[in-house]
PDB file of N, CA and C in Angstrom:
ATOM      1  N   GLY A   1      -4.000  -6.341  18.353  1.00  0.00           N
ATOM      2  CA  GLY A   1      -4.292  -7.289  17.307  1.00  0.00           C
ATOM      3  C   GLY A   1      -3.093  -7.641  16.378  1.00  0.00           C
ATOM      4  N   PHE A   2      -2.328  -6.578  16.024  1.00  0.00           N
ATOM      5  CA  PHE A   2      -1.170  -6.802  15.161  1.00  0.00           C
ATOM      6  C   PHE A   2      -0.124  -7.471  15.942  1.00  0.00           C
ATOM      7  N   VAL A   3       0.026  -7.204  17.209  1.00  0.00           N
ATOM      8  CA  VAL A   3       1.031  -7.965  17.954  1.00  0.00           C
ATOM      9  C   VAL A   3       0.745  -9.395  17.882  1.00  0.00           C
ATOM     10  N   MET A   4      -0.504  -9.786  18.161  1.00  0.00           N
ATOM     11  CA  MET A   4      -0.934 -11.169  18.134  1.00  0.00           C
ATOM     12  C   MET A   4      -0.659 -11.803  16.789  1.00  0.00           C
ATOM     13  N   LEU A   5      -1.013 -11.096  15.725  1.00  0.00           N
ATOM     14  CA  LEU A   5      -0.767 -11.526  14.350  1.00  0.00           C
ATOM     15  C   LEU A   5       0.726 -11.694  14.053  1.00  0.00           C
ATOM     16  N   THR A   6       1.494 -10.902  14.684  1.00  0.00           N
ATOM     17  CA  THR A   6       2.950 -11.105  14.479  1.00  0.00           C
ATOM     18  C   THR A   6       3.424 -12.310  15.223  1.00  0.00           C
ATOM     19  N   GLU A   7       2.926 -12.558  16.424  1.00  0.00           N
ATOM     20  CA  GLU A   7       3.235 -13.768  17.154  1.00  0.00           C
ATOM     21  C   GLU A   7       2.839 -15.016  16.428  1.00  0.00           C
ATOM     22  N   LEU A   8       1.794 -14.917  15.664  1.00  0.00           N
ATOM     23  CA  LEU A   8       1.271 -16.051  14.908  1.00  0.00           C
ATOM     24  C   LEU A   8       1.971 -16.221  13.568  1.00  0.00           C
ATOM     25  N   GLY A   9       2.879 -15.332  13.205  1.00  0.00           N
ATOM     26  CA  GLY A   9       3.569 -15.394  11.983  1.00  0.00           C
ATOM     27  C   GLY A   9       2.983 -14.848  10.791  1.00  0.00           C
ATOM     28  N   VAL A  10       1.855 -14.101  11.011  1.00  0.00           N
ATOM     29  CA  VAL A  10       1.085 -13.566   9.876  1.00  0.00           C
ATOM     30  C   VAL A  10       1.551 -12.204   9.424  1.00  0.00           C
ATOM     31  N   VAL A  11       1.997 -11.346  10.333  1.00  0.00           N
ATOM     32  CA  VAL A  11       2.384  -9.987  10.117  1.00  0.00           C
ATOM     33  C   VAL A  11       3.897  -9.926  10.511  1.00  0.00           C
ATOM     34  N   ALA A  12       4.644  -9.293   9.648  1.00  0.00           N
ATOM     35  CA  ALA A  12       6.074  -9.030   9.857  1.00  0.00           C
ATOM     36  C   ALA A  12       6.197  -8.135  11.160  1.00  0.00           C
ATOM     37  N   GLY A  13       7.223  -8.442  11.934  1.00  0.00           N
ATOM     38  CA  GLY A  13       7.397  -7.654  13.143  1.00  0.00           C
ATOM     39  C   GLY A  13       7.619  -6.231  12.935  1.00  0.00           C
ATOM     40  N   TRP A  14       8.303  -5.849  11.855  1.00  0.00           N
ATOM     41  CA  TRP A  14       8.670  -4.452  11.602  1.00  0.00           C
ATOM     42  C   TRP A  14       7.415  -3.629  11.262  1.00  0.00           C
ATOM     43  N   ILE A  15       6.389  -4.280  10.650  1.00  0.00           N
ATOM     44  CA  ILE A  15       5.163  -3.606  10.295  1.00  0.00           C
ATOM     45  C   ILE A  15       4.377  -3.305  11.564  1.00  0.00           C
ATOM     46  N   THR A  16       4.358  -4.320  12.536  1.00  0.00           N
ATOM     47  CA  THR A  16       3.760  -4.041  13.824  1.00  0.00           C
ATOM     48  C   THR A  16       4.424  -2.962  14.595  1.00  0.00           C
ATOM     49  N   VAL A  17       5.777  -2.897  14.503  1.00  0.00           N
ATOM     50  CA  VAL A  17       6.581  -1.825  15.216  1.00  0.00           C
ATOM     51  C   VAL A  17       6.138  -0.499  14.595  1.00  0.00           C
ATOM     52  N   ALA A  18       6.042  -0.494  13.302  1.00  0.00           N
ATOM     53  CA  ALA A  18       5.745   0.832  12.649  1.00  0.00           C
ATOM     54  C   ALA A  18       4.358   1.280  13.009  1.00  0.00           C
ATOM     55  N   ILE A  19       3.380   0.373  13.069  1.00  0.00           N
ATOM     56  CA  ILE A  19       2.040   0.710  13.516  1.00  0.00           C
ATOM     57  C   ILE A  19       2.023   1.161  14.943  1.00  0.00           C
ATOM     58  N   LEU A  20       2.716   0.456  15.789  1.00  0.00           N
ATOM     59  CA  LEU A  20       2.740   0.973  17.244  1.00  0.00           C
ATOM     60  C   LEU A  20       3.457   2.267  17.354  1.00  0.00           C
ATOM     61  N   THR A  21       4.504   2.473  16.627  1.00  0.00           N
ATOM     62  CA  THR A  21       5.297   3.706  16.729  1.00  0.00           C
ATOM     63  C   THR A  21       4.367   4.881  16.294  1.00  0.00           C
ATOM     64  N   ARG A  22       3.596   4.694  15.283  1.00  0.00           N
ATOM     65  CA  ARG A  22       2.709   5.747  14.861  1.00  0.00           C
ATOM     66  C   ARG A  22       1.726   6.096  15.980  1.00  0.00           C
ATOM     67  N   GLU A  23       1.207   5.145  16.654  1.00  0.00           N
ATOM     68  CA  GLU A  23       0.205   5.359  17.762  1.00  0.00           C
ATOM     69  C   GLU A  23       0.867   6.135  18.817  1.00  0.00           C
ATOM     70  N   PHE A  24       2.019   5.658  19.293  1.00  0.00           N
ATOM     71  CA  PHE A  24       2.814   6.399  20.321  1.00  0.00           C
ATOM     72  C   PHE A  24       3.204   7.841  19.951  1.00  0.00           C
ATOM     73  N   LEU A  25       3.509   8.021  18.734  1.00  0.00           N
ATOM     74  CA  LEU A  25       3.867   9.266  18.179  1.00  0.00           C
ATOM     75  C   LEU A  25       2.614  10.268  18.273  1.00  0.00           C
ATOM     76  N   VAL A  26       1.506   9.820  17.797  1.00  0.00           N
ATOM     77  CA  VAL A  26       0.290  10.654  17.744  1.00  0.00           C
ATOM     78  C   VAL A  26      -0.150  10.869  19.205  1.00  0.00           C
ATOM     79  N   THR A  27      -0.039   9.850  20.050  1.00  0.00           N
ATOM     80  CA  THR A  27      -0.411  10.132  21.507  1.00  0.00           C
ATOM     81  C   THR A  27       0.558  11.100  22.138  1.00  0.00           C
ATOM     82  N   GLY A  28       1.791  11.032  21.811  1.00  0.00           N
ATOM     83  CA  GLY A  28       2.743  12.029  22.300  1.00  0.00           C
ATOM     84  C   GLY A  28       2.397  13.479  21.781  1.00  0.00           C
ATOM     85  N   LEU A  29       2.105  13.554  20.550  1.00  0.00           N
ATOM     86  CA  LEU A  29       1.727  14.898  19.996  1.00  0.00           C
ATOM     87  C   LEU A  29       0.521  15.463  20.670  1.00  0.00           C
ATOM     88  N   ARG A  30      -0.397  14.586  20.959  1.00  0.00           N
ATOM     89  CA  ARG A  30      -1.714  14.945  21.622  1.00  0.00           C
ATOM     90  C   ARG A  30      -1.447  15.473  23.049  1.00  0.00           C
ATOM     91  N   LEU A  31      -0.533  14.755  23.680  1.00  0.00           N
ATOM     92  CA  LEU A  31      -0.087  15.200  25.061  1.00  0.00           C
ATOM     93  C   LEU A  31       0.570  16.576  25.078  1.00  0.00           C
ATOM     94  N   LEU A  32       1.450  16.785  24.041  1.00  0.00           N
ATOM     95  CA  LEU A  32       2.136  18.080  23.969  1.00  0.00           C
ATOM     96  C   LEU A  32       1.086  19.140  23.704  1.00  0.00           C
ATOM     97  N   ALA A  33       0.141  18.854  22.828  1.00  0.00           N
ATOM     98  CA  ALA A  33      -0.849  19.855  22.467  1.00  0.00           C
ATOM     99  C   ALA A  33      -1.679  20.171  23.782  1.00  0.00           C
ATOM    100  N   THR A  34      -2.084  19.152  24.481  1.00  0.00           N
ATOM    101  CA  THR A  34      -2.851  19.339  25.754  1.00  0.00           C
ATOM    102  C   THR A  34      -2.077  20.238  26.695  1.00  0.00           C
ATOM    103  N   ALA A  35      -0.801  20.030  26.792  1.00  0.00           N
ATOM    104  CA  ALA A  35       0.066  20.826  27.673  1.00  0.00           C
ATOM    105  C   ALA A  35       0.061  22.256  27.296  1.00  0.00           C
ATOM    106  N   GLU A  36      -0.155  22.459  26.012  1.00  0.00           N
ATOM    107  CA  GLU A  36      -0.146  23.919  25.491  1.00  0.00           C
ATOM    108  C   GLU A  36      -1.553  24.417  25.366  1.00  0.00           C
ATOM    109  N   GLY A  37      -2.523  23.631  25.875  1.00  0.00           N
ATOM    110  CA  GLY A  37      -3.945  24.151  25.899  1.00  0.00           C
ATOM    111  C   GLY A  37      -4.571  23.962  24.570  1.00  0.00           C
ATOM    112  N   LYS A  38      -4.027  23.130  23.733  1.00  0.00           N
ATOM    113  CA  LYS A  38      -4.638  22.861  22.316  1.00  0.00           C
ATOM    114  C   LYS A  38      -5.262  21.505  22.276  1.00  0.00           C
ATOM    115  N   VAL A  39      -6.193  21.374  21.355  1.00  0.00           N
ATOM    116  CA  VAL A  39      -6.776  20.037  21.103  1.00  0.00           C
ATOM    117  C   VAL A  39      -6.508  19.647  19.713  1.00  0.00           C
ATOM    118  N   LEU A  40      -6.019  18.473  19.478  1.00  0.00           N
ATOM    119  CA  LEU A  40      -5.801  18.019  18.101  1.00  0.00           C
ATOM    120  C   LEU A  40      -6.976  17.056  17.772  1.00  0.00           C
ATOM    121  N   ALA A  41      -7.814  17.485  16.904  1.00  0.00           N
ATOM    122  CA  ALA A  41      -8.929  16.693  16.460  1.00  0.00           C
ATOM    123  C   ALA A  41      -8.529  15.558  15.636  1.00  0.00           C
ATOM    124  N   ALA A  42      -9.349  14.514  15.718  1.00  0.00           N
ATOM    125  CA  ALA A  42      -9.090  13.316  14.859  1.00  0.00           C
ATOM    126  C   ALA A  42      -9.504  13.702  13.402  1.00  0.00           C
ATOM    127  N   GLU A  43      -8.661  13.110  12.477  1.00  0.00           N
ATOM    128  CA  GLU A  43      -8.925  13.446  11.097  1.00  0.00           C
ATOM    129  C   GLU A  43      -9.591  12.238  10.444  1.00  0.00           C
ATOM    130  N   LYS A  44     -10.097  12.434   9.254  1.00  0.00           N
ATOM    131  CA  LYS A  44     -10.778  11.382   8.470  1.00  0.00           C
ATOM    132  C   LYS A  44      -9.804  10.259   8.108  1.00  0.00           C
ATOM    133  N   LEU A  45      -8.466  10.692   7.829  1.00  0.00           N
ATOM    134  CA  LEU A  45      -7.462   9.745   7.516  1.00  0.00           C
ATOM    135  C   LEU A  45      -7.168   8.820   8.637  1.00  0.00           C
ATOM    136  N   GLY A  46      -7.144   9.305   9.862  1.00  0.00           N
ATOM    137  CA  GLY A  46      -7.043   8.418  11.096  1.00  0.00           C
ATOM    138  C   GLY A  46      -8.187   7.490  11.161  1.00  0.00           C
ATOM    139  N   LYS A  47      -9.399   7.931  10.859  1.00  0.00           N
ATOM    140  CA  LYS A  47     -10.529   7.064  10.929  1.00  0.00           C
ATOM    141  C   LYS A  47     -10.467   5.916   9.892  1.00  0.00           C
ATOM    142  N   TYR A  48      -9.995   6.301   8.793  1.00  0.00           N
ATOM    143  CA  TYR A  48      -9.731   5.232   7.690  1.00  0.00           C
ATOM    144  C   TYR A  48      -8.713   4.255   8.147  1.00  0.00           C
ATOM    145  N   LYS A  49      -7.639   4.794   8.773  1.00  0.00           N
ATOM    146  CA  LYS A  49      -6.621   3.993   9.290  1.00  0.00           C
ATOM    147  C   LYS A  49      -7.140   2.920  10.246  1.00  0.00           C
ATOM    148  N   THR A  50      -7.982   3.384  11.184  1.00  0.00           N
ATOM    149  CA  THR A  50      -8.552   2.543  12.226  1.00  0.00           C
ATOM    150  C   THR A  50      -9.454   1.513  11.488  1.00  0.00           C
ATOM    151  N   THR A  51     -10.200   1.880  10.536  1.00  0.00           N
ATOM    152  CA  THR A  51     -11.041   1.027   9.898  1.00  0.00           C
ATOM    153  C   THR A  51     -10.316  -0.125   9.153  1.00  0.00           C
ATOM    154  N   ILE A  52      -9.265   0.256   8.392  1.00  0.00           N
ATOM    155  CA  ILE A  52      -8.612  -0.798   7.684  1.00  0.00           C
ATOM    156  C   ILE A  52      -7.841  -1.741   8.610  1.00  0.00           C
ATOM    157  N   GLN A  53      -7.369  -1.167   9.693  1.00  0.00           N
ATOM    158  CA  GLN A  53      -6.686  -2.012  10.665  1.00  0.00           C
ATOM    159  C   GLN A  53      -7.683  -3.099  11.312  1.00  0.00           C
ATOM    160  N   ILE A  54      -8.832  -2.559  11.680  1.00  0.00           N
ATOM    161  CA  ILE A  54      -9.864  -3.479  12.233  1.00  0.00           C
ATOM    162  C   ILE A  54     -10.275  -4.526  11.223  1.00  0.00           C
ATOM    163  N   VAL A  55     -10.447  -4.078   9.944  1.00  0.00           N
ATOM    164  CA  VAL A  55     -10.891  -5.050   8.942  1.00  0.00           C
ATOM    165  C   VAL A  55      -9.790  -6.129   8.777  1.00  0.00           C
ATOM    166  N   THR A  56      -8.542  -5.658   8.767  1.00  0.00           N
ATOM    167  CA  THR A  56      -7.422  -6.644   8.545  1.00  0.00           C
ATOM    168  C   THR A  56      -7.260  -7.607   9.742  1.00  0.00           C
ATOM    169  N   ILE A  57      -7.469  -7.167  10.980  1.00  0.00           N
ATOM    170  CA  ILE A  57      -7.404  -7.949  12.152  1.00  0.00           C
ATOM    171  C   ILE A  57      -8.609  -8.991  12.087  1.00  0.00           C
ATOM    172  N   ILE A  58      -9.769  -8.532  11.857  1.00  0.00           N
ATOM    173  CA  ILE A  58     -10.933  -9.408  11.805  1.00  0.00           C
ATOM    174  C   ILE A  58     -10.771 -10.446  10.711  1.00  0.00           C
ATOM    175  N   TYR A  59     -10.386  -9.984   9.560  1.00  0.00           N
ATOM    176  CA  TYR A  59     -10.213 -10.905   8.418  1.00  0.00           C
ATOM    177  C   TYR A  59      -9.235 -12.090   8.824  1.00  0.00           C
ATOM    178  N   TRP A  60      -8.049 -11.738   9.341  1.00  0.00           N
ATOM    179  CA  TRP A  60      -7.054 -12.740   9.752  1.00  0.00           C
ATOM    180  C   TRP A  60      -7.537 -13.658  10.873  1.00  0.00           C
ATOM    181  N   LEU A  61      -8.304 -13.082  11.823  1.00  0.00           N
ATOM    182  CA  LEU A  61      -8.860 -13.917  12.874  1.00  0.00           C
ATOM    183  C   LEU A  61      -9.878 -14.930  12.325  1.00  0.00           C
ATOM    184  N   LEU A  62     -10.688 -14.516  11.301  1.00  0.00           N
ATOM    185  CA  LEU A  62     -11.538 -15.403  10.696  1.00  0.00           C
ATOM    186  C   LEU A  62     -10.841 -16.583   9.938  1.00  0.00           C
ATOM    187  N   ILE A  63      -9.821 -16.070   9.105  1.00  0.00           N
ATOM    188  CA  ILE A  63      -9.081 -17.101   8.342  1.00  0.00           C
ATOM    189  C   ILE A  63      -8.296 -18.102   9.268  1.00  0.00           C
ATOM    190  N   LEU A  64      -7.641 -17.595  10.225  1.00  0.00           N
ATOM    191  CA  LEU A  64      -6.876 -18.414  11.208  1.00  0.00           C
ATOM    192  C   LEU A  64      -7.870 -19.333  11.951  1.00  0.00           C
ATOM    193  N   GLY A  65      -8.998 -18.818  12.357  1.00  0.00           N
ATOM    194  CA  GLY A  65      -9.984 -19.579  13.108  1.00  0.00           C
ATOM    195  C   GLY A  65     -10.554 -20.629  12.247  1.00  0.00           C
ATOM    196  N   ALA A  66     -10.815 -20.418  10.944  1.00  0.00           N
ATOM    197  CA  ALA A  66     -11.327 -21.339   9.999  1.00  0.00           C
ATOM    198  C   ALA A  66     -10.289 -22.498   9.743  1.00  0.00           C
ATOM    199  N   LYS A  67      -9.026 -22.087   9.661  1.00  0.00           N
ATOM    200  CA  LYS A  67      -8.005 -23.149   9.497  1.00  0.00           C
ATOM    201  C   LYS A  67      -7.816 -23.958  10.818  1.00  0.00           C
ATOM    202  N   GLN A  68      -7.839 -23.324  11.923  1.00  0.00           N
ATOM    203  CA  GLN A  68      -7.784 -24.047  13.164  1.00  0.00           C
ATOM    204  C   GLN A  68      -8.912 -25.005  13.391  1.00  0.00           C
ATOM    205  N   ALA A  69     -10.112 -24.603  12.973  1.00  0.00           N
ATOM    206  CA  ALA A  69     -11.328 -25.511  13.056  1.00  0.00           C
ATOM    207  C   ALA A  69     -11.351 -26.514  11.884  1.00  0.00           C
ATOM    208  N   GLU A  70     -10.360 -26.453  11.033  1.00  0.00           N
ATOM    209  CA  GLU A  70     -10.372 -27.311   9.886  1.00  0.00           C
ATOM    210  C   GLU A  70     -11.487 -27.164   8.972  1.00  0.00           C
ATOM    211  N   LEU A  71     -12.044 -25.887   8.911  1.00  0.00           N
ATOM    212  CA  LEU A  71     -13.077 -25.568   7.937  1.00  0.00           C
ATOM    213  C   LEU A  71     -12.429 -25.277   6.604  1.00  0.00           C
ATOM    214  N   MET A  72     -11.119 -25.077   6.554  1.00  0.00           N
ATOM    215  CA  MET A  72     -10.413 -24.919   5.347  1.00  0.00           C
ATOM    216  C   MET A  72      -9.045 -25.461   5.585  1.00  0.00           C
ATOM    217  N   THR A  73      -8.422 -25.874   4.498  1.00  0.00           N
ATOM    218  CA  THR A  73      -7.052 -26.423   4.566  1.00  0.00           C
ATOM    219  C   THR A  73      -6.058 -25.350   5.037  1.00  0.00           C
ATOM    220  N   GLN A  74      -4.890 -25.738   5.557  1.00  0.00           N
ATOM    221  CA  GLN A  74      -3.852 -24.775   5.949  1.00  0.00           C
ATOM    222  C   GLN A  74      -3.432 -23.945   4.741  1.00  0.00           C
ATOM    223  N   ASP A  75      -3.343 -24.558   3.584  1.00  0.00           N
ATOM    224  CA  ASP A  75      -2.863 -23.732   2.421  1.00  0.00           C
ATOM    225  C   ASP A  75      -4.006 -22.903   1.896  1.00  0.00           C
ATOM    226  N   GLY A  76      -5.244 -23.473   1.868  1.00  0.00           N
ATOM    227  CA  GLY A  76      -6.368 -22.693   1.348  1.00  0.00           C
ATOM    228  C   GLY A  76      -6.191 -22.190   0.000  1.00  0.00           C
ATOM    229  N   PRO A  77      -7.308 -21.563  -0.567  1.00  0.00           N
ATOM    230  CA  PRO A  77      -6.995 -20.973  -1.900  1.00  0.00           C
ATOM    231  C   PRO A  77      -6.080 -19.810  -1.849  1.00  0.00           C
ATOM    232  N   ALA A  78      -5.356 -19.735  -2.947  1.00  0.00           N
ATOM    233  CA  ALA A  78      -4.259 -18.672  -3.001  1.00  0.00           C
ATOM    234  C   ALA A  78      -4.828 -17.210  -2.728  1.00  0.00           C
ATOM    235  N   TRP A  79      -6.012 -16.874  -3.190  1.00  0.00           N
ATOM    236  CA  TRP A  79      -6.618 -15.584  -3.153  1.00  0.00           C
ATOM    237  C   TRP A  79      -6.838 -15.153  -1.635  1.00  0.00           C
ATOM    238  N   ILE A  80      -7.017 -16.153  -0.763  1.00  0.00           N
ATOM    239  CA  ILE A  80      -7.312 -15.853   0.582  1.00  0.00           C
ATOM    240  C   ILE A  80      -6.054 -15.221   1.174  1.00  0.00           C
ATOM    241  N   ASP A  81      -4.938 -15.800   1.099  1.00  0.00           N
ATOM    242  CA  ASP A  81      -3.667 -15.229   1.600  1.00  0.00           C
ATOM    243  C   ASP A  81      -3.282 -14.028   0.946  1.00  0.00           C
ATOM    244  N   LEU A  82      -3.516 -13.956  -0.403  1.00  0.00           N
ATOM    245  CA  LEU A  82      -3.239 -12.747  -1.111  1.00  0.00           C
ATOM    246  C   LEU A  82      -4.063 -11.459  -0.671  1.00  0.00           C
ATOM    247  N   LEU A  83      -5.317 -11.734  -0.396  1.00  0.00           N
ATOM    248  CA  LEU A  83      -6.206 -10.709   0.091  1.00  0.00           C
ATOM    249  C   LEU A  83      -5.699 -10.303   1.467  1.00  0.00           C
ATOM    250  N   GLY A  84      -5.340 -11.211   2.243  1.00  0.00           N
ATOM    251  CA  GLY A  84      -4.792 -10.906   3.550  1.00  0.00           C
ATOM    252  C   GLY A  84      -3.528 -10.128   3.516  1.00  0.00           C
ATOM    253  N   GLU A  85      -2.651 -10.389   2.589  1.00  0.00           N
ATOM    254  CA  GLU A  85      -1.425  -9.654   2.390  1.00  0.00           C
ATOM    255  C   GLU A  85      -1.754  -8.222   1.901  1.00  0.00           C
ATOM    256  N   ILE A  86      -2.701  -8.103   1.094  1.00  0.00           N
ATOM    257  CA  ILE A  86      -3.084  -6.780   0.586  1.00  0.00           C
ATOM    258  C   ILE A  86      -3.615  -5.926   1.743  1.00  0.00           C
ATOM    259  N   LEU A  87      -4.438  -6.566   2.578  1.00  0.00           N
ATOM    260  CA  LEU A  87      -4.942  -5.843   3.804  1.00  0.00           C
ATOM    261  C   LEU A  87      -3.798  -5.417   4.701  1.00  0.00           C
ATOM    262  N   ILE A  88      -2.861  -6.277   4.849  1.00  0.00           N
ATOM    263  CA  ILE A  88      -1.718  -5.933   5.756  1.00  0.00           C
ATOM    264  C   ILE A  88      -0.994  -4.712   5.257  1.00  0.00           C
ATOM    265  N   TRP A  89      -0.647  -4.809   3.989  1.00  0.00           N
ATOM    266  CA  TRP A  89       0.098  -3.667   3.319  1.00  0.00           C
ATOM    267  C   TRP A  89      -0.782  -2.418   3.278  1.00  0.00           C
ATOM    268  N   ALA A  90      -2.057  -2.521   3.023  1.00  0.00           N
ATOM    269  CA  ALA A  90      -2.893  -1.337   3.044  1.00  0.00           C
ATOM    270  C   ALA A  90      -2.848  -0.764   4.515  1.00  0.00           C
ATOM    271  N   SER A  91      -2.964  -1.596   5.463  1.00  0.00           N
ATOM    272  CA  SER A  91      -2.930  -1.057   6.795  1.00  0.00           C
ATOM    273  C   SER A  91      -1.617  -0.354   7.184  1.00  0.00           C
ATOM    274  N   PHE A  92      -0.522  -0.982   6.736  1.00  0.00           N
ATOM    275  CA  PHE A  92       0.777  -0.376   6.926  1.00  0.00           C
ATOM    276  C   PHE A  92       0.849   1.009   6.208  1.00  0.00           C
ATOM    277  N   ALA A  93       0.436   0.990   4.933  1.00  0.00           N
ATOM    278  CA  ALA A  93       0.578   2.218   4.115  1.00  0.00           C
ATOM    279  C   ALA A  93      -0.292   3.405   4.641  1.00  0.00           C
ATOM    280  N   ILE A  94      -1.555   3.166   5.064  1.00  0.00           N
ATOM    281  CA  ILE A  94      -2.435   4.149   5.458  1.00  0.00           C
ATOM    282  C   ILE A  94      -1.919   4.660   6.923  1.00  0.00           C
ATOM    283  N   THR A  95      -1.368   3.668   7.649  1.00  0.00           N
ATOM    284  CA  THR A  95      -0.895   4.120   9.004  1.00  0.00           C
ATOM    285  C   THR A  95       0.296   4.945   8.890  1.00  0.00           C
ATOM    286  N   ALA A  96       1.224   4.589   7.983  1.00  0.00           N
ATOM    287  CA  ALA A  96       2.460   5.414   7.817  1.00  0.00           C
ATOM    288  C   ALA A  96       2.065   6.786   7.284  1.00  0.00           C
ATOM    289  N   TRP A  97       1.199   6.835   6.271  1.00  0.00           N
ATOM    290  CA  TRP A  97       0.746   8.082   5.654  1.00  0.00           C
ATOM    291  C   TRP A  97       0.062   9.028   6.725  1.00  0.00           C
ATOM    292  N   SER A  98      -0.805   8.439   7.441  1.00  0.00           N
ATOM    293  CA  SER A  98      -1.526   9.329   8.456  1.00  0.00           C
ATOM    294  C   SER A  98      -0.478   9.685   9.536  1.00  0.00           C
ATOM    295  N   GLY A  99       0.446   8.914   9.911  1.00  0.00           N
ATOM    296  CA  GLY A  99       1.476   9.351  10.900  1.00  0.00           C
ATOM    297  C   GLY A  99       2.320  10.526  10.406  1.00  0.00           C
ATOM    298  N   VAL A 100       2.798  10.359   9.141  1.00  0.00           N
ATOM    299  CA  VAL A 100       3.656  11.458   8.518  1.00  0.00           C
ATOM    300  C   VAL A 100       2.762  12.739   8.380  1.00  0.00           C
ATOM    301  N   ARG A 101       1.550  12.549   7.978  1.00  0.00           N
ATOM    302  CA  ARG A 101       0.665  13.736   7.793  1.00  0.00           C
ATOM    303  C   ARG A 101       0.439  14.417   9.135  1.00  0.00           C
ATOM    304  N   TYR A 102       0.252  13.647  10.176  1.00  0.00           N
ATOM    305  CA  TYR A 102       0.011  14.154  11.466  1.00  0.00           C
ATOM    306  C   TYR A 102       1.150  14.946  12.017  1.00  0.00           C
ATOM    307  N   VAL A 103       2.364  14.385  11.817  1.00  0.00           N
ATOM    308  CA  VAL A 103       3.575  15.104  12.282  1.00  0.00           C
ATOM    309  C   VAL A 103       3.712  16.360  11.454  1.00  0.00           C
ATOM    310  N   VAL A 104       3.590  16.359  10.196  1.00  0.00           N
ATOM    311  CA  VAL A 104       3.776  17.484   9.408  1.00  0.00           C
ATOM    312  C   VAL A 104       2.732  18.618   9.758  1.00  0.00           C
ATOM    313  N   MET A 105       1.500  18.179   9.895  1.00  0.00           N
ATOM    314  CA  MET A 105       0.490  19.233  10.242  1.00  0.00           C
ATOM    315  C   MET A 105       0.665  19.769  11.647  1.00  0.00           C
ATOM    316  N   ASN A 106       1.401  19.148  12.530  1.00  0.00           N
ATOM    317  CA  ASN A 106       1.540  19.516  13.943  1.00  0.00           C
ATOM    318  C   ASN A 106       3.028  19.717  14.308  1.00  0.00           C
ATOM    319  N   ARG A 107       3.860  20.104  13.298  1.00  0.00           N
ATOM    320  CA  ARG A 107       5.278  20.219  13.513  1.00  0.00           C
ATOM    321  C   ARG A 107       5.572  21.332  14.412  1.00  0.00           C
ATOM    322  N   ASP A 108       4.714  22.367  14.622  1.00  0.00           N
ATOM    323  CA  ASP A 108       4.955  23.424  15.454  1.00  0.00           C
ATOM    324  C   ASP A 108       5.042  22.997  16.946  1.00  0.00           C
ATOM    325  N   LEU A 109       4.323  21.941  17.230  1.00  0.00           N
ATOM    326  CA  LEU A 109       4.385  21.267  18.624  1.00  0.00           C
ATOM    327  C   LEU A 109       5.807  20.680  18.863  1.00  0.00           C
ATOM    328  N   LEU A 110       6.460  20.163  17.775  1.00  0.00           N
ATOM    329  CA  LEU A 110       7.773  19.532  18.001  1.00  0.00           C
ATOM    330  C   LEU A 110       8.809  20.583  18.067  1.00  0.00           C
ATOM    331  N   LYS A 111       8.655  21.773  17.615  1.00  0.00           N
ATOM    332  CA  LYS A 111       9.617  22.823  17.606  1.00  0.00           C
ATOM    333  C   LYS A 111       9.697  23.421  19.087  1.00  0.00           C
ATOM    334  N   ALA A 112       8.609  23.388  19.762  1.00  0.00           N
ATOM    335  CA  ALA A 112       8.465  24.003  21.148  1.00  0.00           C
ATOM    336  C   ALA A 112       9.201  23.186  22.152  1.00  0.00           C
TER     337      ALA A 112
END
């Protein structure tokens, strides 16, 4: 979703890279844990991350679809883009926070 929004010029490329990096990092940690016979359970923060990301993607798909279908002007009301920006930054912030937290909580896997 974020890759597509980057292609459409909605999300900055570095934000998408940061989000993807977190996903690969967590996947890598889970693979390391599995190799050591451990299971890394999902945390509430990760669930919040997923929720805000999905809300952000759906929001922008609806806005871009409405603009494409000419149900709203390309400029639209200022609050629409502002809310979209807030969602993007919230997605980035919670993704970064959960990624750092995940690494800190599982740093013993990185030492091995």
